[in-house]
């Protein structure tokens, strides 16, 4: 069985403290279809999300981040 995966890069405008970044990461991980979330310490404004496009989409992921009161936008890969 082949599973299609997609990646999206989300740019977060604010400098979030580590605890807040963990909340945002946890929210993204809780979305059905999300396979992985990576937010490197040396680039805290960038979050890469790998997901199954048959279960969710980039706009839903962005809306979830924004729903946390964070200013963010999608960046093309």
PDB file of N, CA and C in Angstrom:
ATOM      1  N   UNK A   1       0.831  -1.172   0.000  1.00  0.00           N
ATOM      2  CA  UNK A   1       0.000   0.000   0.000  1.00  0.00           C
ATOM      3  C   UNK A   1       0.881   1.242   0.000  1.00  0.00           C
ATOM      4  N   UNK A   2       0.675   2.107  -0.977  1.00  0.00           N
ATOM      5  CA  UNK A   2       1.416   3.363  -1.059  1.00  0.00           C
ATOM      6  C   UNK A   2       0.646   4.459  -0.354  1.00  0.00           C
ATOM      7  N   UNK A   3       1.338   5.207   0.481  1.00  0.00           N
ATOM      8  CA  UNK A   3       0.739   6.335   1.169  1.00  0.00           C
ATOM      9  C   UNK A   3       1.411   7.599   0.651  1.00  0.00           C
ATOM     10  N   UNK A   4       0.613   8.510   0.160  1.00  0.00           N
ATOM     11  CA  UNK A   4       1.122   9.777  -0.339  1.00  0.00           C
ATOM     12  C   UNK A   4       1.356  10.730   0.828  1.00  0.00           C
ATOM     13  N   UNK A   5       2.511  11.382   0.817  1.00  0.00           N
ATOM     14  CA  UNK A   5       2.846  12.353   1.864  1.00  0.00           C
ATOM     15  C   UNK A   5       3.186  13.699   1.235  1.00  0.00           C
ATOM     16  N   UNK A   6       2.908  14.757   1.965  1.00  0.00           N
ATOM     17  CA  UNK A   6       3.239  16.112   1.531  1.00  0.00           C
ATOM     18  C   UNK A   6       3.925  16.826   2.686  1.00  0.00           C
ATOM     19  N   UNK A   7       4.700  17.834   2.352  1.00  0.00           N
ATOM     20  CA  UNK A   7       5.373  18.672   3.348  1.00  0.00           C
ATOM     21  C   UNK A   7       4.900  20.108   3.173  1.00  0.00           C
ATOM     22  N   UNK A   8       4.819  20.809   4.281  1.00  0.00           N
ATOM     23  CA  UNK A   8       4.528  22.230   4.240  1.00  0.00           C
ATOM     24  C   UNK A   8       5.437  22.926   5.246  1.00  0.00           C
ATOM     25  N   UNK A   9       5.879  24.106   4.869  1.00  0.00           N
ATOM     26  CA  UNK A   9       6.707  24.920   5.747  1.00  0.00           C
ATOM     27  C   UNK A   9       5.852  26.085   6.240  1.00  0.00           C
ATOM     28  N   UNK A  10       5.739  26.195   7.554  1.00  0.00           N
ATOM     29  CA  UNK A  10       4.971  27.271   8.167  1.00  0.00           C
ATOM     30  C   UNK A  10       5.954  28.240   8.819  1.00  0.00           C
ATOM     31  N   UNK A  11       5.847  29.512   8.427  1.00  0.00           N
ATOM     32  CA  UNK A  11       6.693  30.541   9.022  1.00  0.00           C
ATOM     33  C   UNK A  11       5.894  31.225  10.122  1.00  0.00           C
ATOM     34  N   UNK A  12       6.435  31.230  11.332  1.00  0.00           N
ATOM     35  CA  UNK A  12       5.812  31.891  12.481  1.00  0.00           C
ATOM     36  C   UNK A  12       6.503  33.231  12.673  1.00  0.00           C
ATOM     37  N   UNK A  13       5.701  34.288  12.669  1.00  0.00           N
ATOM     38  CA  UNK A  13       6.259  35.645  12.720  1.00  0.00           C
ATOM     39  C   UNK A  13       6.854  36.001  14.076  1.00  0.00           C
ATOM     40  N   UNK A  14       6.206  35.582  15.161  1.00  0.00           N
ATOM     41  CA  UNK A  14       6.673  35.935  16.499  1.00  0.00           C
ATOM     42  C   UNK A  14       7.851  35.061  16.935  1.00  0.00           C
ATOM     43  N   UNK A  15       8.601  35.568  17.899  1.00  0.00           N
ATOM     44  CA  UNK A  15       9.618  34.754  18.570  1.00  0.00           C
ATOM     45  C   UNK A  15       8.944  34.126  19.778  1.00  0.00           C
ATOM     46  N   UNK A  16       8.523  32.891  19.619  1.00  0.00           N
ATOM     47  CA  UNK A  16       7.802  32.207  20.691  1.00  0.00           C
ATOM     48  C   UNK A  16       8.764  31.558  21.669  1.00  0.00           C
ATOM     49  N   UNK A  17       8.460  31.621  22.959  1.00  0.00           N
ATOM     50  CA  UNK A  17       9.274  30.888  23.928  1.00  0.00           C
ATOM     51  C   UNK A  17       9.097  29.378  23.701  1.00  0.00           C
ATOM     52  N   UNK A  18      10.052  28.610  24.167  1.00  0.00           N
ATOM     53  CA  UNK A  18      10.059  27.158  23.963  1.00  0.00           C
ATOM     54  C   UNK A  18       8.732  26.510  24.363  1.00  0.00           C
ATOM     55  N   UNK A  19       8.177  26.911  25.488  1.00  0.00           N
ATOM     56  CA  UNK A  19       6.924  26.299  25.964  1.00  0.00           C
ATOM     57  C   UNK A  19       5.790  26.539  24.976  1.00  0.00           C
ATOM     58  N   UNK A  20       5.731  27.712  24.427  1.00  0.00           N
ATOM     59  CA  UNK A  20       4.669  28.035  23.458  1.00  0.00           C
ATOM     60  C   UNK A  20       4.874  27.293  22.156  1.00  0.00           C
ATOM     61  N   UNK A  21       6.125  27.160  21.730  1.00  0.00           N
ATOM     62  CA  UNK A  21       6.430  26.383  20.526  1.00  0.00           C
ATOM     63  C   UNK A  21       5.987  24.942  20.709  1.00  0.00           C
ATOM     64  N   UNK A  22       6.186  24.398  21.905  1.00  0.00           N
ATOM     65  CA  UNK A  22       5.776  23.019  22.177  1.00  0.00           C
ATOM     66  C   UNK A  22       4.262  22.866  22.105  1.00  0.00           C
ATOM     67  N   UNK A  23       3.524  23.887  22.535  1.00  0.00           N
ATOM     68  CA  UNK A  23       2.064  23.851  22.431  1.00  0.00           C
ATOM     69  C   UNK A  23       1.642  23.819  20.961  1.00  0.00           C
ATOM     70  N   UNK A  24       2.249  24.667  20.146  1.00  0.00           N
ATOM     71  CA  UNK A  24       1.934  24.705  18.724  1.00  0.00           C
ATOM     72  C   UNK A  24       2.284  23.363  18.071  1.00  0.00           C
ATOM     73  N   UNK A  25       3.454  22.818  18.394  1.00  0.00           N
ATOM     74  CA  UNK A  25       3.846  21.515  17.857  1.00  0.00           C
ATOM     75  C   UNK A  25       2.852  20.437  18.262  1.00  0.00           C
ATOM     76  N   UNK A  26       2.432  20.445  19.513  1.00  0.00           N
ATOM     77  CA  UNK A  26       1.468  19.458  19.998  1.00  0.00           C
ATOM     78  C   UNK A  26       0.143  19.559  19.270  1.00  0.00           C
ATOM     79  N   UNK A  27      -0.293  20.780  19.022  1.00  0.00           N
ATOM     80  CA  UNK A  27      -1.521  20.980  18.269  1.00  0.00           C
ATOM     81  C   UNK A  27      -1.388  20.377  16.874  1.00  0.00           C
ATOM     82  N   UNK A  28      -0.284  20.661  16.201  1.00  0.00           N
ATOM     83  CA  UNK A  28      -0.082  20.129  14.859  1.00  0.00           C
ATOM     84  C   UNK A  28      -0.023  18.599  14.869  1.00  0.00           C
ATOM     85  N   UNK A  29       0.650  18.038  15.854  1.00  0.00           N
ATOM     86  CA  UNK A  29       0.748  16.576  15.936  1.00  0.00           C
ATOM     87  C   UNK A  29      -0.613  15.922  16.178  1.00  0.00           C
ATOM     88  N   UNK A  30      -1.538  16.660  16.781  1.00  0.00           N
ATOM     89  CA  UNK A  30      -2.851  16.093  17.090  1.00  0.00           C
ATOM     90  C   UNK A  30      -3.791  16.067  15.885  1.00  0.00           C
ATOM     91  N   UNK A  31      -3.412  16.734  14.800  1.00  0.00           N
ATOM     92  CA  UNK A  31      -4.259  16.764  13.608  1.00  0.00           C
ATOM     93  C   UNK A  31      -4.172  15.410  12.910  1.00  0.00           C
ATOM     94  N   UNK A  32      -5.325  14.838  12.622  1.00  0.00           N
ATOM     95  CA  UNK A  32      -5.356  13.546  11.935  1.00  0.00           C
ATOM     96  C   UNK A  32      -4.651  13.669  10.586  1.00  0.00           C
ATOM     97  N   UNK A  33      -3.735  12.767  10.329  1.00  0.00           N
ATOM     98  CA  UNK A  33      -2.999  12.765   9.075  1.00  0.00           C
ATOM     99  C   UNK A  33      -1.600  13.338   9.179  1.00  0.00           C
ATOM    100  N   UNK A  34      -1.288  14.025  10.281  1.00  0.00           N
ATOM    101  CA  UNK A  34       0.060  14.571  10.452  1.00  0.00           C
ATOM    102  C   UNK A  34       1.001  13.432  10.835  1.00  0.00           C
ATOM    103  N   UNK A  35       2.089  13.336  10.095  1.00  0.00           N
ATOM    104  CA  UNK A  35       3.070  12.273  10.306  1.00  0.00           C
ATOM    105  C   UNK A  35       4.219  12.763  11.181  1.00  0.00           C
ATOM    106  N   UNK A  36       4.686  13.983  10.934  1.00  0.00           N
ATOM    107  CA  UNK A  36       5.775  14.514  11.750  1.00  0.00           C
ATOM    108  C   UNK A  36       5.758  16.038  11.747  1.00  0.00           C
ATOM    109  N   UNK A  37       6.339  16.599  12.807  1.00  0.00           N
ATOM    110  CA  UNK A  37       6.468  18.045  12.963  1.00  0.00           C
ATOM    111  C   UNK A  37       7.904  18.311  13.391  1.00  0.00           C
ATOM    112  N   UNK A  38       8.554  19.244  12.702  1.00  0.00           N
ATOM    113  CA  UNK A  38       9.938  19.578  13.043  1.00  0.00           C
ATOM    114  C   UNK A  38      10.066  21.094  13.157  1.00  0.00           C
ATOM    115  N   UNK A  39      10.487  21.551  14.324  1.00  0.00           N
ATOM    116  CA  UNK A  39      10.701  22.971  14.587  1.00  0.00           C
ATOM    117  C   UNK A  39      12.079  23.112  15.219  1.00  0.00           C
ATOM    118  N   UNK A  40      13.122  23.286  14.402  1.00  0.00           N
ATOM    119  CA  UNK A  40      14.493  23.294  14.934  1.00  0.00           C
ATOM    120  C   UNK A  40      14.777  24.480  15.848  1.00  0.00           C
ATOM    121  N   UNK A  41      15.558  24.237  16.877  1.00  0.00           N
ATOM    122  CA  UNK A  41      15.920  25.292  17.828  1.00  0.00           C
ATOM    123  C   UNK A  41      16.691  26.427  17.170  1.00  0.00           C
ATOM    124  N   UNK A  42      17.477  26.115  16.124  1.00  0.00           N
ATOM    125  CA  UNK A  42      18.273  27.161  15.484  1.00  0.00           C
ATOM    126  C   UNK A  42      17.465  27.960  14.452  1.00  0.00           C
ATOM    127  N   UNK A  43      16.239  27.533  14.174  1.00  0.00           N
ATOM    128  CA  UNK A  43      15.334  28.261  13.268  1.00  0.00           C
ATOM    129  C   UNK A  43      13.912  28.206  13.832  1.00  0.00           C
ATOM    130  N   UNK A  44      13.697  28.832  14.981  1.00  0.00           N
ATOM    131  CA  UNK A  44      12.417  28.696  15.676  1.00  0.00           C
ATOM    132  C   UNK A  44      11.219  29.285  14.937  1.00  0.00           C
ATOM    133  N   UNK A  45      11.465  30.070  13.909  1.00  0.00           N
ATOM    134  CA  UNK A  45      10.362  30.653  13.147  1.00  0.00           C
ATOM    135  C   UNK A  45       9.832  29.695  12.081  1.00  0.00           C
ATOM    136  N   UNK A  46      10.539  28.599  11.843  1.00  0.00           N
ATOM    137  CA  UNK A  46      10.164  27.680  10.768  1.00  0.00           C
ATOM    138  C   UNK A  46       9.717  26.334  11.331  1.00  0.00           C
ATOM    139  N   UNK A  47       8.566  25.890  10.881  1.00  0.00           N
ATOM    140  CA  UNK A  47       8.045  24.592  11.289  1.00  0.00           C
ATOM    141  C   UNK A  47       7.711  23.798  10.033  1.00  0.00           C
ATOM    142  N   UNK A  48       8.304  22.622   9.910  1.00  0.00           N
ATOM    143  CA  UNK A  48       8.032  21.740   8.779  1.00  0.00           C
ATOM    144  C   UNK A  48       7.078  20.654   9.252  1.00  0.00           C
ATOM    145  N   UNK A  49       6.000  20.490   8.505  1.00  0.00           N
ATOM    146  CA  UNK A  49       4.999  19.487   8.846  1.00  0.00           C
ATOM    147  C   UNK A  49       4.867  18.526   7.672  1.00  0.00           C
ATOM    148  N   UNK A  50       5.003  17.237   7.954  1.00  0.00           N
ATOM    149  CA  UNK A  50       4.762  16.200   6.960  1.00  0.00           C
ATOM    150  C   UNK A  50       3.394  15.611   7.273  1.00  0.00           C
ATOM    151  N   UNK A  51       2.575  15.473   6.248  1.00  0.00           N
ATOM    152  CA  UNK A  51       1.205  15.035   6.477  1.00  0.00           C
ATOM    153  C   UNK A  51       0.670  14.227   5.288  1.00  0.00           C
ATOM    154  N   UNK A  52      -0.431  13.554   5.540  1.00  0.00           N
ATOM    155  CA  UNK A  52      -1.124  12.802   4.493  1.00  0.00           C
ATOM    156  C   UNK A  52      -2.198  13.706   3.881  1.00  0.00           C
ATOM    157  N   UNK A  53      -2.034  14.085   2.618  1.00  0.00           N
ATOM    158  CA  UNK A  53      -2.999  14.999   2.008  1.00  0.00           C
ATOM    159  C   UNK A  53      -4.397  14.401   1.829  1.00  0.00           C
ATOM    160  N   UNK A  54      -4.533  13.096   1.999  1.00  0.00           N
ATOM    161  CA  UNK A  54      -5.867  12.500   1.939  1.00  0.00           C
ATOM    162  C   UNK A  54      -6.601  12.643   3.274  1.00  0.00           C
ATOM    163  N   UNK A  55      -5.899  13.122   4.309  1.00  0.00           N
ATOM    164  CA  UNK A  55      -6.488  13.285   5.648  1.00  0.00           C
ATOM    165  C   UNK A  55      -6.594  14.737   6.094  1.00  0.00           C
ATOM    166  N   UNK A  56      -5.690  15.592   5.617  1.00  0.00           N
ATOM    167  CA  UNK A  56      -5.700  17.008   5.994  1.00  0.00           C
ATOM    168  C   UNK A  56      -5.043  17.804   4.889  1.00  0.00           C
ATOM    169  N   UNK A  57      -4.929  19.106   5.079  1.00  0.00           N
ATOM    170  CA  UNK A  57      -4.283  19.942   4.064  1.00  0.00           C
ATOM    171  C   UNK A  57      -3.530  21.086   4.735  1.00  0.00           C
ATOM    172  N   UNK A  58      -2.718  21.764   3.945  1.00  0.00           N
ATOM    173  CA  UNK A  58      -1.857  22.821   4.471  1.00  0.00           C
ATOM    174  C   UNK A  58      -2.668  23.959   5.088  1.00  0.00           C
ATOM    175  N   UNK A  59      -3.793  24.296   4.489  1.00  0.00           N
ATOM    176  CA  UNK A  59      -4.604  25.394   5.008  1.00  0.00           C
ATOM    177  C   UNK A  59      -5.159  25.060   6.387  1.00  0.00           C
ATOM    178  N   UNK A  60      -5.576  23.820   6.598  1.00  0.00           N
ATOM    179  CA  UNK A  60      -6.071  23.389   7.905  1.00  0.00           C
ATOM    180  C   UNK A  60      -4.970  23.485   8.955  1.00  0.00           C
ATOM    181  N   UNK A  61      -3.756  23.089   8.581  1.00  0.00           N
ATOM    182  CA  UNK A  61      -2.628  23.172   9.509  1.00  0.00           C
ATOM    183  C   UNK A  61      -2.332  24.625   9.869  1.00  0.00           C
ATOM    184  N   UNK A  62      -2.328  25.499   8.867  1.00  0.00           N
ATOM    185  CA  UNK A  62      -2.078  26.916   9.116  1.00  0.00           C
ATOM    186  C   UNK A  62      -3.167  27.508  10.005  1.00  0.00           C
ATOM    187  N   UNK A  63      -4.414  27.176   9.745  1.00  0.00           N
ATOM    188  CA  UNK A  63      -5.519  27.687  10.559  1.00  0.00           C
ATOM    189  C   UNK A  63      -5.382  27.231  12.016  1.00  0.00           C
ATOM    190  N   UNK A  64      -4.892  26.006  12.218  1.00  0.00           N
ATOM    191  CA  UNK A  64      -4.672  25.522  13.582  1.00  0.00           C
ATOM    192  C   UNK A  64      -3.629  26.346  14.319  1.00  0.00           C
ATOM    193  N   UNK A  65      -2.545  26.676  13.626  1.00  0.00           N
ATOM    194  CA  UNK A  65      -1.492  27.503  14.229  1.00  0.00           C
ATOM    195  C   UNK A  65      -2.044  28.895  14.540  1.00  0.00           C
ATOM    196  N   UNK A  66      -2.727  29.468  13.586  1.00  0.00           N
ATOM    197  CA  UNK A  66      -3.300  30.802  13.787  1.00  0.00           C
ATOM    198  C   UNK A  66      -4.345  30.795  14.898  1.00  0.00           C
ATOM    199  N   UNK A  67      -5.020  29.682  15.069  1.00  0.00           N
ATOM    200  CA  UNK A  67      -6.004  29.551  16.133  1.00  0.00           C
ATOM    201  C   UNK A  67      -5.393  29.630  17.520  1.00  0.00           C
ATOM    202  N   UNK A  68      -4.086  29.482  17.599  1.00  0.00           N
ATOM    203  CA  UNK A  68      -3.366  29.623  18.863  1.00  0.00           C
ATOM    204  C   UNK A  68      -2.945  31.073  19.109  1.00  0.00           C
ATOM    205  N   UNK A  69      -3.424  31.972  18.249  1.00  0.00           N
ATOM    206  CA  UNK A  69      -3.086  33.387  18.402  1.00  0.00           C
ATOM    207  C   UNK A  69      -1.724  33.743  17.842  1.00  0.00           C
ATOM    208  N   UNK A  70      -1.211  32.888  16.969  1.00  0.00           N
ATOM    209  CA  UNK A  70       0.115  33.081  16.393  1.00  0.00           C
ATOM    210  C   UNK A  70      -0.042  33.604  14.958  1.00  0.00           C
ATOM    211  N   UNK A  71       0.756  34.591  14.596  1.00  0.00           N
ATOM    212  CA  UNK A  71       0.763  35.095  13.227  1.00  0.00           C
ATOM    213  C   UNK A  71       1.696  34.208  12.412  1.00  0.00           C
ATOM    214  N   UNK A  72       1.155  33.612  11.350  1.00  0.00           N
ATOM    215  CA  UNK A  72       1.951  32.671  10.569  1.00  0.00           C
ATOM    216  C   UNK A  72       1.446  32.651   9.118  1.00  0.00           C
ATOM    217  N   UNK A  73       2.298  32.152   8.231  1.00  0.00           N
ATOM    218  CA  UNK A  73       1.927  31.978   6.832  1.00  0.00           C
ATOM    219  C   UNK A  73       2.623  30.758   6.271  1.00  0.00           C
ATOM    220  N   UNK A  74       2.071  30.250   5.165  1.00  0.00           N
ATOM    221  CA  UNK A  74       2.665  29.109   4.480  1.00  0.00           C
ATOM    222  C   UNK A  74       3.797  29.607   3.597  1.00  0.00           C
ATOM    223  N   UNK A  75       4.838  28.810   3.507  1.00  0.00           N
ATOM    224  CA  UNK A  75       5.966  29.104   2.621  1.00  0.00           C
ATOM    225  C   UNK A  75       6.079  27.939   1.658  1.00  0.00           C
ATOM    226  N   UNK A  76       6.160  28.215   0.366  1.00  0.00           N
ATOM    227  CA  UNK A  76       6.262  27.155  -0.619  1.00  0.00           C
ATOM    228  C   UNK A  76       7.587  26.415  -0.517  1.00  0.00           C
ATOM    229  N   UNK A  77       7.529  25.109  -0.750  1.00  0.00           N
ATOM    230  CA  UNK A  77       8.754  24.286  -0.734  1.00  0.00           C
ATOM    231  C   UNK A  77       9.166  23.971  -2.161  1.00  0.00           C
TER     232      UNK A  77
END
